[in-house]
Amino acid sequence: MPNPGRSLASNAKIILGDEPTGNLDGANTQNIIDILCSLAHEKGYCVIIVTHDMEVAEAADEALRMRDGELRLDNPTKQMHK
């Protein structure tokens, strides 16, 4: 996510993040997770993230996992945030 400001300034309600916490320490990773969750739940953004960080993936309302060339729902029993 090289320029999150541009995403927010464009009036688009979709944010795409490619490893948005990849080079951050734990505290800043949590800050980014909190910001993205707030944008999704309070401001109505659709936040789509690609990550290898399980902490980031576990914060998602829905997670898809690529395994053996197939895209699968990773958390089918997790309740959606309202």
Protein backbone atom coordinates (compact mmCIF):
# COMPACT_ATOMS: atom_id res chain seq x y z
CA MET A 1 0.00 0.00 0.00
CA PRO A 2 2.45 2.64 -1.14
CA ASN A 3 0.12 5.63 -1.02
CA PRO A 4 -2.98 5.20 1.17
CA GLY A 5 -3.62 8.95 1.03
CA ARG A 6 -4.28 8.74 -2.70
CA SER A 7 -6.82 5.95 -2.10
CA LEU A 8 -8.67 8.05 0.45
CA ALA A 9 -8.54 11.25 -1.61
CA SER A 10 -9.99 9.66 -4.74
CA ASN A 11 -13.54 9.23 -3.37
CA ALA A 12 -13.36 5.53 -4.30
CA LYS A 13 -14.71 3.28 -1.57
CA ILE A 14 -12.27 0.46 -2.31
CA ILE A 15 -8.80 0.19 -0.79
CA LEU A 16 -6.39 -2.41 -2.14
CA GLY A 17 -3.44 -3.23 0.10
CA ASP A 18 -0.54 -5.43 -1.00
CA GLU A 19 1.28 -6.39 2.23
CA PRO A 20 0.38 -3.07 3.90
CA THR A 21 2.16 -4.09 7.12
CA GLY A 22 5.06 -5.98 5.55
CA ASN A 23 7.93 -3.91 6.99
CA LEU A 24 6.32 -2.67 10.20
CA ASP A 25 6.86 -3.53 13.84
CA GLY A 26 4.03 -4.99 15.94
CA ALA A 27 2.68 -1.69 17.24
CA ASN A 28 2.50 -0.08 13.80
CA THR A 29 1.03 -3.25 12.30
CA GLN A 30 -1.78 -2.98 14.84
CA ASN A 31 -2.24 0.72 14.03
CA ILE A 32 -2.69 -0.10 10.32
CA ILE A 33 -5.11 -2.95 11.14
CA ASP A 34 -7.14 -0.57 13.32
CA ILE A 35 -7.22 2.12 10.62
CA LEU A 36 -8.29 -0.31 7.89
CA CYS A 37 -10.97 -1.88 10.12
CA SER A 38 -12.27 1.57 11.00
CA LEU A 39 -12.46 2.54 7.33
CA ALA A 40 -14.36 -0.65 6.57
CA HIS A 41 -16.76 -0.70 9.51
CA GLU A 42 -17.31 2.99 10.19
CA LYS A 43 -16.79 4.63 6.80
CA GLY A 44 -18.13 1.92 4.48
CA TYR A 45 -14.94 1.16 2.57
CA CYS A 46 -14.29 -2.20 0.95
CA VAL A 47 -10.77 -3.11 2.08
CA ILE A 48 -9.02 -5.89 0.18
CA ILE A 49 -5.61 -6.99 1.46
CA VAL A 50 -3.07 -9.49 0.21
CA THR A 51 -0.86 -10.64 3.09
CA HIS A 52 1.29 -13.40 4.49
CA ASP A 53 0.84 -11.99 8.01
CA MET A 54 -1.62 -14.17 9.93
CA GLU A 55 -2.33 -11.36 12.42
CA VAL A 56 -3.56 -9.18 9.57
CA ALA A 57 -5.53 -12.06 8.01
CA GLU A 58 -7.22 -12.90 11.32
CA ALA A 59 -8.48 -9.31 11.63
CA ALA A 60 -10.43 -9.68 8.38
CA ASP A 61 -14.18 -10.18 8.27
CA GLU A 62 -13.64 -12.73 5.52
CA ALA A 63 -10.44 -14.41 4.40
CA LEU A 64 -9.65 -16.35 1.26
CA ARG A 65 -6.60 -18.55 1.04
CA MET A 66 -4.79 -19.72 -2.05
CA ARG A 67 -3.80 -23.36 -1.62
CA ASP A 68 -2.69 -25.77 -4.31
CA GLY A 69 -3.89 -23.39 -7.00
CA GLU A 70 -7.40 -23.09 -5.53
CA LEU A 71 -8.95 -20.09 -3.81
CA ARG A 72 -10.80 -21.20 -0.67
CA LEU A 73 -12.80 -19.49 2.06
CA ASP A 74 -10.48 -19.66 5.07
CA ASN A 75 -12.93 -18.88 7.88
CA PRO A 76 -16.41 -20.10 6.90
CA THR A 77 -17.72 -20.09 10.49
CA LYS A 78 -16.44 -16.65 11.54
CA GLN A 79 -19.23 -14.16 12.17
CA MET A 80 -19.28 -11.04 10.03
CA HIS A 81 -18.78 -7.69 11.80
CA LYS A 82 -21.86 -5.50 11.67
